[in-house]
Amino acid sequence: MNELGRLEDLPAEYLEALRAQNLVPLWPSLRAVLPPGKPRPNTKPTYWNYQQLRPLLMRAGELTPMEKAERRVLVLANPGHGLDNMKASAAMYLGMQLLLPGEWAPSHRHTPNAVRMIVEGEGAYTTVDGEKCPMARGDLILTPTGLWHEHGHDGTEPVVWLDVLDLPIVYYLEASYAIEGQRQQVKQGRGDQAYARGGLMPTTVFQRSDKRYPMLRYPWAEARAALQALAADQPDTECVQVTYVNPETGGDAENILGFYALMLRPGQTLQLPARSPASVFHLIEGGAEVSIDEQRFTLAEADTCCAPGYTPITLRNTRADAPSFVFIADESPLHRKLGVYEVRS
């Protein structure tokens, strides 16, 4: 491929004339925005150790009362994007959020989609669009774009969850904002109970639910049981994984990011192909080793790591006597909508 001209090769007076007209030459930057063969992601393989970050999160609870924080979060930032940019990948934001007994995080709604993966503790809840969703370890709770949500805690121990938002892409589109609101009135009914069994949904009269997101809480007990049942029913299946979906449409639970639960059989090694979207891995139960390019991370329970796109990944269950369970978030729905999703062998 021919070498392209460099910016410094152009006369200073020519560059000054271009800038005076808000113009820039493309050719010196063409290879940067259209690299040959595959992208050059800024996302770096990155690992966050929960037992190391937890004391810092608890200290944040001592230093900053809820009325001054609104949301008490430590952002899991990827150094490849710069820590101040608060990105785990180009489209994903991660944060560890702490709620202490008796606290209430006020109601608001915003344009980015969010989910909560509960890491530890009981007694807390999220109210989303009037539906009160109790929090237990491993539960996934949606707070989709535009829906009012707030967090409360009636228990006795700290509750921590992993936030996953599509904030970076919404912010990049200059469409990110929030609106503050009043405490919600809790409504009767919960989607996780109405849609608790696969293949069954409430009978309606010639119409589906009028809610865009009919199920907001995905209990870990149900997801774990589904994985175990799948593994037992299909013992030759290499990748034992389920996708969190909208029970009415079968589509992704949210429209920008995808969410999955994966079971690694005892001692199993699973090789994932290089795919275009970046991925996040959060260990719910057991132990796992994640190899990304030449980097290797050993995950204990509640640890998190991320991998750039176009990169092969190997997962290994470090336990030989029990399965391990991993929560995965990725950018697949966004890539499919944009028509750039691909898998490379």
Foldseek 3Di string as FASTA:
>chain_A
DDDFDAPVVDDPVVVVVQVVVPHDDCGNCVCQVVPPPDHDFLQDWDWDACVVCVVVLVVLCVVDPCVRVLWRWDWPAGPSVPRVLQANGQQKTKIKTKDAAFDKRFKKFKAKKKKKQWADDFQKWKQWQQATGGDDHGKIFIRGHPIIMMMHGNDHGMTIIMMMIRVNVCVVVVNIDMDGDHDDHHDDDALCVQCVDPPDHDDDDVDDDPDPQSHGMDDRVSQVVQLVVVCVVCVPDQWSKDWDPRRVPRHANYQFKTKMKTKAFAFDKDKDFAKQKKKKKAWRDAWKWKQWPNDIDTDDHGMMIIYHGRIIMMMTGPGNPGMTMIMMMIRVSNCVVVVNIDTDD
